[in-house]
C-alpha atoms as a PDB file:
ATOM      1  CA  UNK A   1     -42.984   3.896  -6.514  1.00  0.00           C
ATOM      2  CA  UNK A   2     -40.722   2.518  -3.799  1.00  0.00           C
ATOM      3  CA  UNK A   3     -41.863  -0.243  -1.486  1.00  0.00           C
ATOM      4  CA  UNK A   4     -39.647  -0.674   1.557  1.00  0.00           C
ATOM      5  CA  UNK A   5     -40.030  -3.392   4.175  1.00  0.00           C
ATOM      6  CA  UNK A   6     -37.326  -3.830   6.800  1.00  0.00           C
ATOM      7  CA  UNK A   7     -34.126  -4.896   5.063  1.00  0.00           C
ATOM      8  CA  UNK A   8     -35.734  -5.221   1.642  1.00  0.00           C
ATOM      9  CA  UNK A   9     -36.509  -2.534  -0.920  1.00  0.00           C
ATOM     10  CA  UNK A  10     -38.501  -2.992  -4.105  1.00  0.00           C
ATOM     11  CA  UNK A  11     -38.480  -0.675  -7.091  1.00  0.00           C
ATOM     12  CA  UNK A  12     -41.657  -0.766  -9.145  1.00  0.00           C
ATOM     13  CA  UNK A  13     -41.244   0.972 -12.462  1.00  0.00           C
ATOM     14  CA  UNK A  14     -44.130  -0.375 -14.519  1.00  0.00           C
ATOM     15  CA  UNK A  15     -47.162  -2.577 -14.035  1.00  0.00           C
ATOM     16  CA  UNK A  16     -45.568  -5.884 -14.898  1.00  0.00           C
ATOM     17  CA  UNK A  17     -41.905  -5.615 -13.934  1.00  0.00           C
ATOM     18  CA  UNK A  18     -40.595  -5.734 -10.397  1.00  0.00           C
ATOM     19  CA  UNK A  19     -36.988  -5.685  -9.205  1.00  0.00           C
ATOM     20  CA  UNK A  20     -36.067  -6.351  -5.599  1.00  0.00           C
ATOM     21  CA  UNK A  21     -32.773  -5.455  -3.950  1.00  0.00           C
ATOM     22  CA  UNK A  22     -31.743  -7.158  -0.734  1.00  0.00           C
ATOM     23  CA  UNK A  23     -29.297  -5.111   1.271  1.00  0.00           C
ATOM     24  CA  UNK A  24     -28.016  -4.793   4.855  1.00  0.00           C
ATOM     25  CA  UNK A  25     -28.403  -1.034   4.413  1.00  0.00           C
ATOM     26  CA  UNK A  26     -31.951  -0.225   3.277  1.00  0.00           C
ATOM     27  CA  UNK A  27     -31.251   2.838   1.204  1.00  0.00           C
ATOM     28  CA  UNK A  28     -33.585   3.913  -1.550  1.00  0.00           C
ATOM     29  CA  UNK A  29     -34.410   1.870  -4.626  1.00  0.00           C
ATOM     30  CA  UNK A  30     -33.083   4.547  -6.954  1.00  0.00           C
ATOM     31  CA  UNK A  31     -29.646   4.174  -5.365  1.00  0.00           C
ATOM     32  CA  UNK A  32     -29.789   0.395  -5.766  1.00  0.00           C
ATOM     33  CA  UNK A  33     -30.826   0.634  -9.414  1.00  0.00           C
ATOM     34  CA  UNK A  34     -28.100   3.147 -10.161  1.00  0.00           C
ATOM     35  CA  UNK A  35     -25.451   1.056  -8.418  1.00  0.00           C
ATOM     36  CA  UNK A  36     -26.484  -1.923 -10.516  1.00  0.00           C
ATOM     37  CA  UNK A  37     -26.230   0.168 -13.677  1.00  0.00           C
ATOM     38  CA  UNK A  38     -29.974  -0.059 -14.387  1.00  0.00           C
ATOM     39  CA  UNK A  39     -29.840   3.469 -15.655  1.00  0.00           C
ATOM     40  CA  UNK A  40     -32.959   3.523 -17.822  1.00  0.00           C
ATOM     41  CA  UNK A  41     -34.963   1.934 -15.026  1.00  0.00           C
ATOM     42  CA  UNK A  42     -33.812   4.640 -12.649  1.00  0.00           C
ATOM     43  CA  UNK A  43     -34.729   7.396 -15.076  1.00  0.00           C
ATOM     44  CA  UNK A  44     -38.311   6.126 -15.248  1.00  0.00           C
ATOM     45  CA  UNK A  45     -38.754   6.048 -11.487  1.00  0.00           C
ATOM     46  CA  UNK A  46     -42.006   7.815 -10.508  1.00  0.00           C
ATOM     47  CA  UNK A  47     -40.616   9.393  -7.317  1.00  0.00           C
ATOM     48  CA  UNK A  48     -37.326  10.352  -8.947  1.00  0.00           C
ATOM     49  CA  UNK A  49     -37.141  13.880  -7.621  1.00  0.00           C
ATOM     50  CA  UNK A  50     -38.021  12.974  -4.057  1.00  0.00           C
ATOM     51  CA  UNK A  51     -35.211  10.438  -3.704  1.00  0.00           C
ATOM     52  CA  UNK A  52     -32.540  12.040  -5.889  1.00  0.00           C
ATOM     53  CA  UNK A  53     -30.551  13.266  -2.872  1.00  0.00           C
ATOM     54  CA  UNK A  54     -31.369  10.523  -0.362  1.00  0.00           C
ATOM     55  CA  UNK A  55     -28.255   8.675   0.747  1.00  0.00           C
ATOM     56  CA  UNK A  56     -27.289   5.350   2.256  1.00  0.00           C
ATOM     57  CA  UNK A  57     -25.887   5.285   5.789  1.00  0.00           C
ATOM     58  CA  UNK A  58     -22.342   5.687   4.481  1.00  0.00           C
ATOM     59  CA  UNK A  59     -23.294   8.746   2.455  1.00  0.00           C
ATOM     60  CA  UNK A  60     -23.537   7.418  -1.088  1.00  0.00           C
ATOM     61  CA  UNK A  61     -26.322   8.961  -3.141  1.00  0.00           C
ATOM     62  CA  UNK A  62     -27.774   7.938  -6.530  1.00  0.00           C
ATOM     63  CA  UNK A  63     -25.695  10.753  -8.052  1.00  0.00           C
ATOM     64  CA  UNK A  64     -22.454   9.431  -6.541  1.00  0.00           C
ATOM     65  CA  UNK A  65     -23.356   5.911  -7.664  1.00  0.00           C
ATOM     66  CA  UNK A  66     -23.882   7.068 -11.245  1.00  0.00           C
ATOM     67  CA  UNK A  67     -20.530   8.881 -11.252  1.00  0.00           C
ATOM     68  CA  UNK A  68     -18.885   5.772  -9.817  1.00  0.00           C
ATOM     69  CA  UNK A  69     -20.451   3.509 -12.452  1.00  0.00           C
ATOM     70  CA  UNK A  70     -19.005   5.605 -15.283  1.00  0.00           C
ATOM     71  CA  UNK A  71     -15.440   4.511 -14.503  1.00  0.00           C
ATOM     72  CA  UNK A  72     -15.927   1.609 -12.140  1.00  0.00           C
ATOM     73  CA  UNK A  73     -13.123  -0.918 -11.775  1.00  0.00           C
ATOM     74  CA  UNK A  74     -13.864  -4.231 -13.452  1.00  0.00           C
ATOM     75  CA  UNK A  75     -13.820  -7.563 -11.696  1.00  0.00           C
ATOM     76  CA  UNK A  76     -10.369  -9.103 -12.041  1.00  0.00           C
ATOM     77  CA  UNK A  77     -10.331 -11.650 -14.853  1.00  0.00           C
ATOM     78  CA  UNK A  78     -13.737 -10.664 -16.199  1.00  0.00           C
ATOM     79  CA  UNK A  79     -14.595  -8.309 -19.066  1.00  0.00           C
ATOM     80  CA  UNK A  80     -16.406  -5.027 -18.466  1.00  0.00           C
ATOM     81  CA  UNK A  81     -20.166  -5.564 -18.864  1.00  0.00           C
ATOM     82  CA  UNK A  82     -21.659  -3.962 -21.947  1.00  0.00           C
ATOM     83  CA  UNK A  83     -23.946  -0.964 -21.564  1.00  0.00           C
ATOM     84  CA  UNK A  84     -27.427  -2.268 -22.226  1.00  0.00           C
ATOM     85  CA  UNK A  85     -29.403   0.825 -21.271  1.00  0.00           C
ATOM     86  CA  UNK A  86     -30.479   3.588 -23.618  1.00  0.00           C
ATOM     87  CA  UNK A  87     -28.551   6.169 -21.607  1.00  0.00           C
ATOM     88  CA  UNK A  88     -25.132   6.136 -20.004  1.00  0.00           C
ATOM     89  CA  UNK A  89     -24.144   7.258 -16.476  1.00  0.00           C
ATOM     90  CA  UNK A  90     -23.397  10.787 -17.719  1.00  0.00           C
ATOM     91  CA  UNK A  91     -26.977  11.138 -18.935  1.00  0.00           C
ATOM     92  CA  UNK A  92     -28.135   9.714 -15.619  1.00  0.00           C
ATOM     93  CA  UNK A  93     -26.190  12.400 -13.759  1.00  0.00           C
ATOM     94  CA  UNK A  94     -27.656  15.114 -15.961  1.00  0.00           C
ATOM     95  CA  UNK A  95     -31.152  13.859 -15.179  1.00  0.00           C
ATOM     96  CA  UNK A  96     -30.458  13.598 -11.453  1.00  0.00           C
ATOM     97  CA  UNK A  97     -29.169  17.166 -11.405  1.00  0.00           C
ATOM     98  CA  UNK A  98     -32.234  18.313 -13.332  1.00  0.00           C
ATOM     99  CA  UNK A  99     -34.329  16.680 -10.594  1.00  0.00           C
ATOM    100  CA  UNK A 100     -32.551  18.752  -7.939  1.00  0.00           C
ATOM    101  CA  UNK A 101     -30.054  16.136  -6.777  1.00  0.00           C
ATOM    102  CA  UNK A 102     -27.491  17.763  -4.490  1.00  0.00           C
ATOM    103  CA  UNK A 103     -24.003  17.297  -6.035  1.00  0.00           C
ATOM    104  CA  UNK A 104     -22.286  18.429  -2.830  1.00  0.00           C
ATOM    105  CA  UNK A 105     -23.299  15.669  -0.438  1.00  0.00           C
ATOM    106  CA  UNK A 106     -20.229  13.957   1.003  1.00  0.00           C
ATOM    107  CA  UNK A 107     -19.426  10.393   1.975  1.00  0.00           C
ATOM    108  CA  UNK A 108     -19.391   9.577   5.661  1.00  0.00           C
ATOM    109  CA  UNK A 109     -16.925   6.743   5.083  1.00  0.00           C
ATOM    110  CA  UNK A 110     -15.594   4.744   2.094  1.00  0.00           C
ATOM    111  CA  UNK A 111     -18.388   3.149   0.082  1.00  0.00           C
ATOM    112  CA  UNK A 112     -19.047  -0.579   0.262  1.00  0.00           C
ATOM    113  CA  UNK A 113     -16.039  -2.521  -1.013  1.00  0.00           C
ATOM    114  CA  UNK A 114     -16.177  -4.428  -4.282  1.00  0.00           C
ATOM    115  CA  UNK A 115     -14.462  -7.562  -5.507  1.00  0.00           C
ATOM    116  CA  UNK A 116     -11.357  -8.077  -3.321  1.00  0.00           C
ATOM    117  CA  UNK A 117     -11.520  -4.626  -1.680  1.00  0.00           C
ATOM    118  CA  UNK A 118     -13.892  -5.408   1.155  1.00  0.00           C
ATOM    119  CA  UNK A 119     -13.047  -2.221   3.047  1.00  0.00           C
ATOM    120  CA  UNK A 120     -13.773   0.081   0.126  1.00  0.00           C
ATOM    121  CA  UNK A 121     -11.469   2.715  -1.325  1.00  0.00           C
ATOM    122  CA  UNK A 122      -9.652   4.345   1.593  1.00  0.00           C
ATOM    123  CA  UNK A 123      -8.416   7.187  -0.617  1.00  0.00           C
ATOM    124  CA  UNK A 124     -12.033   8.268  -1.120  1.00  0.00           C
ATOM    125  CA  UNK A 125     -12.959   8.445   2.540  1.00  0.00           C
ATOM    126  CA  UNK A 126     -15.052  10.786   4.664  1.00  0.00           C
ATOM    127  CA  UNK A 127     -15.841  14.023   2.865  1.00  0.00           C
ATOM    128  CA  UNK A 128     -15.559  12.647  -0.680  1.00  0.00           C
ATOM    129  CA  UNK A 129     -17.933  14.243  -3.181  1.00  0.00           C
ATOM    130  CA  UNK A 130     -19.074  12.982  -6.556  1.00  0.00           C
ATOM    131  CA  UNK A 131     -16.699  15.528  -8.104  1.00  0.00           C
ATOM    132  CA  UNK A 132     -13.756  14.068  -6.206  1.00  0.00           C
ATOM    133  CA  UNK A 133     -14.726  10.562  -7.318  1.00  0.00           C
ATOM    134  CA  UNK A 134     -14.754  11.664 -10.955  1.00  0.00           C
ATOM    135  CA  UNK A 135     -11.414  13.426 -10.500  1.00  0.00           C
ATOM    136  CA  UNK A 136      -9.708  10.264  -9.279  1.00  0.00           C
ATOM    137  CA  UNK A 137     -10.432   8.478 -12.554  1.00  0.00           C
ATOM    138  CA  UNK A 138      -9.585  11.497 -14.684  1.00  0.00           C
ATOM    139  CA  UNK A 139     -13.214  11.649 -15.778  1.00  0.00           C
ATOM    140  CA  UNK A 140     -13.154  15.228 -17.059  1.00  0.00           C
ATOM    141  CA  UNK A 141     -16.399  14.826 -18.965  1.00  0.00           C
ATOM    142  CA  UNK A 142     -18.246  13.887 -15.785  1.00  0.00           C
ATOM    143  CA  UNK A 143     -16.489  16.608 -13.802  1.00  0.00           C
ATOM    144  CA  UNK A 144     -17.649  19.214 -16.296  1.00  0.00           C
ATOM    145  CA  UNK A 145     -21.276  18.029 -15.991  1.00  0.00           C
ATOM    146  CA  UNK A 146     -21.072  18.151 -12.198  1.00  0.00           C
ATOM    147  CA  UNK A 147     -19.516  21.623 -12.150  1.00  0.00           C
ATOM    148  CA  UNK A 148     -22.181  22.912 -14.513  1.00  0.00           C
ATOM    149  CA  UNK A 149     -24.742  21.361 -12.186  1.00  0.00           C
ATOM    150  CA  UNK A 150     -23.526  23.228  -9.131  1.00  0.00           C
ATOM    151  CA  UNK A 151     -20.799  21.021  -7.693  1.00  0.00           C
ATOM    152  CA  UNK A 152     -18.621  22.932  -5.228  1.00  0.00           C
ATOM    153  CA  UNK A 153     -14.967  22.393  -6.236  1.00  0.00           C
ATOM    154  CA  UNK A 154     -13.723  23.748  -2.896  1.00  0.00           C
ATOM    155  CA  UNK A 155     -15.097  20.929  -0.751  1.00  0.00           C
ATOM    156  CA  UNK A 156     -12.340  18.684   0.593  1.00  0.00           C
ATOM    157  CA  UNK A 157     -12.047  15.290   2.205  1.00  0.00           C
ATOM    158  CA  UNK A 158     -11.919  15.217   6.004  1.00  0.00           C
ATOM    159  CA  UNK A 159      -8.108  15.227   5.801  1.00  0.00           C
ATOM    160  CA  UNK A 160      -8.256  18.409   3.670  1.00  0.00           C
ATOM    161  CA  UNK A 161      -7.316  16.661   0.422  1.00  0.00           C
ATOM    162  CA  UNK A 162      -8.592  18.738  -2.493  1.00  0.00           C
ATOM    163  CA  UNK A 163     -10.072  17.748  -5.834  1.00  0.00           C
ATOM    164  CA  UNK A 164      -6.879  19.011  -7.515  1.00  0.00           C
ATOM    165  CA  UNK A 165      -4.710  16.710  -5.375  1.00  0.00           C
ATOM    166  CA  UNK A 166      -6.924  13.727  -6.188  1.00  0.00           C
ATOM    167  CA  UNK A 167      -6.845  14.502  -9.904  1.00  0.00           C
ATOM    168  CA  UNK A 168      -3.058  14.937  -9.878  1.00  0.00           C
ATOM    169  CA  UNK A 169      -2.588  11.608  -8.087  1.00  0.00           C
ATOM    170  CA  UNK A 170      -4.565   9.584 -10.585  1.00  0.00           C
ATOM    171  CA  UNK A 171      -4.909   5.971  -9.558  1.00  0.00           C
ATOM    172  CA  UNK A 172      -8.553   5.641 -10.473  1.00  0.00           C
ATOM    173  CA  UNK A 173      -9.382   2.743 -12.746  1.00  0.00           C
ATOM    174  CA  UNK A 174     -11.242   2.961 -16.021  1.00  0.00           C
ATOM    175  CA  UNK A 175     -11.612   1.023 -19.246  1.00  0.00           C
ATOM    176  CA  UNK A 176     -10.036   2.459 -22.387  1.00  0.00           C
ATOM    177  CA  UNK A 177     -10.738   1.403 -25.989  1.00  0.00           C
ATOM    178  CA  UNK A 178      -8.395  -1.348 -27.098  1.00  0.00           C
ATOM    179  CA  UNK A 179      -7.616  -2.461 -23.546  1.00  0.00           C
ATOM    180  CA  UNK A 180      -9.553  -5.743 -23.872  1.00  0.00           C
ATOM    181  CA  UNK A 181     -12.201  -4.414 -21.479  1.00  0.00           C
ATOM    182  CA  UNK A 182      -9.742  -4.502 -18.596  1.00  0.00           C
ATOM    183  CA  UNK A 183      -9.630  -1.497 -16.299  1.00  0.00           C
ATOM    184  CA  UNK A 184      -6.320   0.349 -16.086  1.00  0.00           C
ATOM    185  CA  UNK A 185      -5.143   3.451 -14.196  1.00  0.00           C
ATOM    186  CA  UNK A 186      -6.315   6.750 -15.639  1.00  0.00           C
ATOM    187  CA  UNK A 187      -3.873   8.135 -18.181  1.00  0.00           C
ATOM    188  CA  UNK A 188      -1.789  11.189 -17.407  1.00  0.00           C
ATOM    189  CA  UNK A 189      -3.587  13.007 -20.217  1.00  0.00           C
ATOM    190  CA  UNK A 190      -6.979  12.429 -18.604  1.00  0.00           C
ATOM    191  CA  UNK A 191      -5.650  13.381 -15.176  1.00  0.00           C
ATOM    192  CA  UNK A 192      -4.231  16.602 -16.599  1.00  0.00           C
ATOM    193  CA  UNK A 193      -7.610  17.492 -18.085  1.00  0.00           C
ATOM    194  CA  UNK A 194      -9.166  16.975 -14.648  1.00  0.00           C
ATOM    195  CA  UNK A 195      -6.507  19.083 -12.921  1.00  0.00           C
ATOM    196  CA  UNK A 196      -7.171  21.862 -15.426  1.00  0.00           C
ATOM    197  CA  UNK A 197     -10.893  21.782 -14.676  1.00  0.00           C
ATOM    198  CA  UNK A 198     -10.195  21.997 -10.943  1.00  0.00           C
ATOM    199  CA  UNK A 199      -7.798  24.903 -11.431  1.00  0.00           C
ATOM    200  CA  UNK A 200     -10.183  26.764 -13.722  1.00  0.00           C
ATOM    201  CA  UNK A 201     -12.921  26.271 -11.123  1.00  0.00           C
ATOM    202  CA  UNK A 202     -10.777  28.119  -8.609  1.00  0.00           C
ATOM    203  CA  UNK A 203      -9.342  25.305  -6.496  1.00  0.00           C
ATOM    204  CA  UNK A 204      -6.302  26.517  -4.517  1.00  0.00           C
ATOM    205  CA  UNK A 205      -3.342  24.708  -6.077  1.00  0.00           C
ATOM    206  CA  UNK A 206      -1.165  25.478  -3.069  1.00  0.00           C
ATOM    207  CA  UNK A 207      -3.605  24.026  -0.556  1.00  0.00           C
ATOM    208  CA  UNK A 208      -2.210  21.193   1.559  1.00  0.00           C
ATOM    209  CA  UNK A 209      -3.782  18.355   3.500  1.00  0.00           C
ATOM    210  CA  UNK A 210      -2.961  17.049   6.980  1.00  0.00           C
ATOM    211  CA  UNK A 211       0.142  15.318   5.581  1.00  0.00           C
ATOM    212  CA  UNK A 212       1.336  18.507   3.926  1.00  0.00           C
ATOM    213  CA  UNK A 213       0.743  17.149   0.438  1.00  0.00           C
ATOM    214  CA  UNK A 214      -0.064  19.591  -2.343  1.00  0.00           C
ATOM    215  CA  UNK A 215      -1.150  18.900  -5.901  1.00  0.00           C
ATOM    216  CA  UNK A 216       2.478  19.455  -6.912  1.00  0.00           C
ATOM    217  CA  UNK A 217       3.675  16.825  -4.433  1.00  0.00           C
ATOM    218  CA  UNK A 218       1.136  14.356  -5.798  1.00  0.00           C
ATOM    219  CA  UNK A 219       2.117  14.993  -9.414  1.00  0.00           C
ATOM    220  CA  UNK A 220       5.823  14.704  -8.568  1.00  0.00           C
ATOM    221  CA  UNK A 221       5.299  11.401  -6.776  1.00  0.00           C
ATOM    222  CA  UNK A 222       3.519  10.054  -9.817  1.00  0.00           C
ATOM    223  CA  UNK A 223       6.122  11.345 -12.245  1.00  0.00           C
ATOM    224  CA  UNK A 224       3.454  13.218 -14.180  1.00  0.00           C
ATOM    225  CA  UNK A 225       5.605  15.773 -15.997  1.00  0.00           C
ATOM    226  CA  UNK A 226       2.733  17.356 -17.935  1.00  0.00           C
ATOM    227  CA  UNK A 227       0.828  17.996 -14.705  1.00  0.00           C
ATOM    228  CA  UNK A 228       3.916  19.379 -12.963  1.00  0.00           C
ATOM    229  CA  UNK A 229       4.501  21.696 -15.922  1.00  0.00           C
ATOM    230  CA  UNK A 230       0.883  22.871 -15.925  1.00  0.00           C
ATOM    231  CA  UNK A 231       0.869  23.519 -12.188  1.00  0.00           C
ATOM    232  CA  UNK A 232       4.099  25.448 -12.641  1.00  0.00           C
ATOM    233  CA  UNK A 233       2.521  27.561 -15.362  1.00  0.00           C
ATOM    234  CA  UNK A 234      -0.357  28.318 -13.001  1.00  0.00           C
ATOM    235  CA  UNK A 235       2.097  29.584 -10.424  1.00  0.00           C
ATOM    236  CA  UNK A 236       1.833  26.715  -7.948  1.00  0.00           C
ATOM    237  CA  UNK A 237       4.583  26.875  -5.354  1.00  0.00           C
ATOM    238  CA  UNK A 238       7.563  24.599  -5.777  1.00  0.00           C
ATOM    239  CA  UNK A 239       9.118  24.987  -2.331  1.00  0.00           C
ATOM    240  CA  UNK A 240       6.313  23.935   0.006  1.00  0.00           C
ATOM    241  CA  UNK A 241       7.289  21.069   2.310  1.00  0.00           C
ATOM    242  CA  UNK A 242       5.112  18.207   3.398  1.00  0.00           C
ATOM    243  CA  UNK A 243       4.811  16.892   6.933  1.00  0.00           C
ATOM    244  CA  UNK A 244       8.065  14.988   6.481  1.00  0.00           C
ATOM    245  CA  UNK A 245       9.909  18.087   5.314  1.00  0.00           C
ATOM    246  CA  UNK A 246       9.983  17.148   1.630  1.00  0.00           C
ATOM    247  CA  UNK A 247       9.569  19.496  -1.312  1.00  0.00           C
ATOM    248  CA  UNK A 248       8.104  18.214  -4.597  1.00  0.00           C
ATOM    249  CA  UNK A 249      11.700  17.849  -5.854  1.00  0.00           C
ATOM    250  CA  UNK A 250      12.521  15.643  -2.858  1.00  0.00           C
ATOM    251  CA  UNK A 251       9.484  13.516  -3.602  1.00  0.00           C
ATOM    252  CA  UNK A 252      10.523  13.127  -7.247  1.00  0.00           C
ATOM    253  CA  UNK A 253      13.964  12.051  -6.089  1.00  0.00           C
ATOM    254  CA  UNK A 254      12.464   9.398  -3.820  1.00  0.00           C
ATOM    255  CA  UNK A 255      13.636  11.050  -0.609  1.00  0.00           C
ATOM    256  CA  UNK A 256      12.017   9.465   2.406  1.00  0.00           C
ATOM    257  CA  UNK A 257      10.143   6.964   0.304  1.00  0.00           C
ATOM    258  CA  UNK A 258      10.398   3.283  -0.343  1.00  0.00           C
ATOM    259  CA  UNK A 259       9.740   1.099  -3.326  1.00  0.00           C
ATOM    260  CA  UNK A 260       7.168  -1.647  -3.475  1.00  0.00           C
ATOM    261  CA  UNK A 261       7.848  -4.870  -1.553  1.00  0.00           C
ATOM    262  CA  UNK A 262      10.742  -3.290   0.315  1.00  0.00           C
ATOM    263  CA  UNK A 263      12.628  -2.283  -2.823  1.00  0.00           C
ATOM    264  CA  UNK A 264      14.556   0.954  -3.388  1.00  0.00           C
ATOM    265  CA  UNK A 265      12.638   4.246  -3.605  1.00  0.00           C
ATOM    266  CA  UNK A 266      11.343   5.176  -7.032  1.00  0.00           C
ATOM    267  CA  UNK A 267      13.144   8.102  -8.649  1.00  0.00           C
ATOM    268  CA  UNK A 268      11.312  10.211 -11.232  1.00  0.00           C
ATOM    269  CA  UNK A 269      14.338  11.579 -13.070  1.00  0.00           C
ATOM    270  CA  UNK A 270      12.574  13.565 -15.790  1.00  0.00           C
ATOM    271  CA  UNK A 271      10.226  15.046 -13.199  1.00  0.00           C
ATOM    272  CA  UNK A 272      13.129  16.015 -10.949  1.00  0.00           C
ATOM    273  CA  UNK A 273      14.921  17.658 -13.879  1.00  0.00           C
ATOM    274  CA  UNK A 274      11.751  19.574 -14.769  1.00  0.00           C
ATOM    275  CA  UNK A 275      11.291  20.756 -11.185  1.00  0.00           C
ATOM    276  CA  UNK A 276      14.895  21.971 -11.064  1.00  0.00           C
ATOM    277  CA  UNK A 277      14.368  24.004 -14.230  1.00  0.00           C
ATOM    278  CA  UNK A 278      11.152  25.491 -12.871  1.00  0.00           C
ATOM    279  CA  UNK A 279      12.863  26.392  -9.586  1.00  0.00           C
ATOM    280  CA  UNK A 280      15.779  28.025 -11.398  1.00  0.00           C
ATOM    281  CA  UNK A 281      13.384  30.049 -13.536  1.00  0.00           C
ATOM    282  CA  UNK A 282      11.826  31.422 -10.339  1.00  0.00           C
ATOM    283  CA  UNK A 283      15.148  32.170  -8.698  1.00  0.00           C
ATOM    284  CA  UNK A 284      14.706  29.500  -6.035  1.00  0.00           C
ATOM    285  CA  UNK A 285      17.635  27.690  -4.496  1.00  0.00           C
ATOM    286  CA  UNK A 286      18.057  24.334  -6.189  1.00  0.00           C
ATOM    287  CA  UNK A 287      19.766  21.595  -4.150  1.00  0.00           C
ATOM    288  CA  UNK A 288      22.707  19.885  -5.768  1.00  0.00           C
ATOM    289  CA  UNK A 289      21.815  16.731  -7.643  1.00  0.00           C
ATOM    290  CA  UNK A 290      22.018  13.733  -5.356  1.00  0.00           C
ATOM    291  CA  UNK A 291      20.960  10.145  -5.299  1.00  0.00           C
ATOM    292  CA  UNK A 292      17.635   9.454  -3.674  1.00  0.00           C
ATOM    293  CA  UNK A 293      17.841   8.879   0.036  1.00  0.00           C
ATOM    294  CA  UNK A 294      16.313   5.855   1.682  1.00  0.00           C
ATOM    295  CA  UNK A 295      13.436   5.922   4.106  1.00  0.00           C
END
């Protein structure tokens, strides 16, 4: 049962063990347990079904927390904690879905920041679903579980960013075997698998957000040739322009962009060459090769 008093929530899961969670946002104890990776504890919660879709004030639910824990960024300079529960976050998500958790609830704002990111992840802002969170880290296994559990792949962030755009961008952190338990950006291979799931689920690959970005723009900016090639095979448009008038080829060439710390724009040569070939194959006008323009 859950005992809640003011700013303090207590989760009682057997007769002789009690865990208390102090929080400025008194959400439910199941959410707190999930966020702390006490997965087995959460699974044994008596009122599991009743609280499976309850959310904190910023919109995070136990389901979102479990998805987040599966590929959560580690604390800088510290190893990833070992899984000590009898089930992992994927099993937790399966159980939450079986208890009627709603996979389509959306964040109202970025979730509470962790470590040095006190403002949270701005790229996962208002409108983010658990599916979008999994997509960012290239967590195709989790995405598949969510889709099978009724996740709506067509829901977007408030700025109209789609799950396919998020998957193509990558950027989500996760820990890979042999990486000394240090989180690193999702690999292109994992991101591609996530893009494929989004496409197969019917996400519009030509959809654009308020900045005019498409999944193709995002893949080109990243220099993800395998994703660009896949999107091309699926018929994604190559000539759409973003809000700044740039095509995916322009983005690959660094047009209108800048490098880190004021350096030169980053040019994705192999990606630009691939985009030119794809454009030629479709009979599109291909601009003459040119050096990347500055901002």
